[in-house]
Each structure stands twice: as C-alpha cells, then as structure tokens.
Amino acid sequence: MLDRNRVKNFALKVVAISVDPNDNDKYEEAMVRAKCIILDRVKDHVVPHIAEKEMTFLMWEALKNLYQHTSV
C-alpha cells in the first residue's frame, strides 16, 4: 500500500524536508498519507505504540521492534 501510494520511502528512511517552501506542502501531504496508511492497517491494540510518533519512519521502526521477536 505504501508503495502504491508512492510514500514507501517515508517508512524506510528519514526523509528530509525540502529547503524549497513550495515543496513543504507535498512533503506534509505525503507524510500524512503514509501515517494514515500505517494506522489504518494495524490492529487497535498496536495503535498506542505508534500513534504519537512524529515521523512515519519512527512508526515503522516501532512496529519492527514490536514484532521482530515474534514468529509468524
């Protein structure tokens, strides 16, 4: 889903805000879209662990840390 919405990079690495103020709206829109996709896809009991993260990358890292020792 992140890839389809062209916001996968926001989950894989810290994406710097552009120096150009005209790009800030695009950045914010993409960040919000990525956050919403992640929050919509996790179970309710997981939301408190990631909802307050400021960046999508930090949300993704928190999810990895929650599940890295669980077996599928």
Protein backbone atom coordinates (compact mmCIF):
# COMPACT_ATOMS: atom_id res chain seq x y z
CA MET A 1 0.00 0.00 0.00
CA LEU A 2 2.81 2.41 0.82
CA ASP A 3 4.47 1.64 -2.48
CA ARG A 4 1.23 2.03 -4.41
CA ASN A 5 0.72 5.47 -2.87
CA ARG A 6 4.34 6.44 -3.55
CA VAL A 7 5.16 7.03 0.10
CA LYS A 8 7.21 3.91 0.87
CA ASN A 9 10.39 5.96 1.35
CA PHE A 10 8.79 7.67 4.34
CA ALA A 11 8.68 4.31 6.12
CA LEU A 12 12.13 3.12 5.09
CA LYS A 13 14.22 6.15 5.92
CA VAL A 14 14.09 9.64 7.37
CA VAL A 15 13.03 11.92 4.54
CA ALA A 16 14.31 15.46 4.96
CA ILE A 17 12.03 18.42 4.46
CA SER A 18 12.90 20.28 1.31
CA VAL A 19 14.59 23.66 1.53
CA ASP A 20 12.11 24.94 -1.04
CA PRO A 21 8.96 26.10 0.82
CA ASN A 22 6.85 25.16 -2.21
CA ASP A 23 7.72 21.51 -1.62
CA ASN A 24 6.71 21.57 2.05
CA ASP A 25 3.04 21.04 1.25
CA LYS A 26 3.91 17.99 -0.86
CA TYR A 27 6.09 16.65 1.95
CA GLU A 28 3.41 17.13 4.59
CA GLU A 29 0.76 15.56 2.37
CA ALA A 30 2.92 12.51 1.69
CA MET A 31 3.83 12.13 5.37
CA VAL A 32 0.18 12.30 6.44
CA ARG A 33 -0.81 9.82 3.72
CA ALA A 34 1.90 7.37 4.84
CA LYS A 35 0.91 7.69 8.51
CA CYS A 36 -2.75 7.10 7.70
CA ILE A 37 -1.95 4.01 5.66
CA ILE A 38 0.06 2.52 8.51
CA LEU A 39 -2.50 3.40 11.19
CA ASP A 40 -5.35 2.01 9.09
CA ARG A 41 -3.55 -1.32 8.65
CA VAL A 42 -2.56 -2.14 12.24
CA LYS A 43 -4.71 -3.71 14.93
CA ASP A 44 -6.28 -1.41 17.52
CA HIS A 45 -4.03 -2.65 20.34
CA VAL A 46 -0.94 -1.59 18.35
CA VAL A 47 -2.06 1.98 17.64
CA PRO A 48 -0.95 3.38 21.04
CA HIS A 49 2.60 2.19 20.36
CA ILE A 50 2.91 4.18 17.14
CA ALA A 51 0.27 6.93 17.04
CA GLU A 52 2.37 9.59 18.75
CA LYS A 53 5.43 9.14 16.54
CA GLU A 54 6.19 12.31 14.58
CA MET A 55 7.58 10.59 11.51
CA THR A 56 6.45 7.60 9.51
CA PHE A 57 9.97 6.16 9.74
CA LEU A 58 9.69 6.16 13.54
CA MET A 59 6.30 4.45 13.33
CA TRP A 60 7.78 1.75 11.09
CA GLU A 61 10.77 1.27 13.42
CA ALA A 62 8.42 0.91 16.41
CA LEU A 63 6.43 -1.73 14.54
CA LYS A 64 9.60 -3.61 13.65
CA ASN A 65 10.72 -3.51 17.28
CA LEU A 66 7.33 -4.79 18.46
CA TYR A 67 7.34 -7.73 16.09
CA GLN A 68 10.98 -8.58 15.44
CA HIS A 69 10.99 -11.41 18.01
CA THR A 70 7.62 -12.89 17.15
CA SER A 71 7.31 -15.82 14.84
CA VAL A 72 4.70 -15.96 12.11
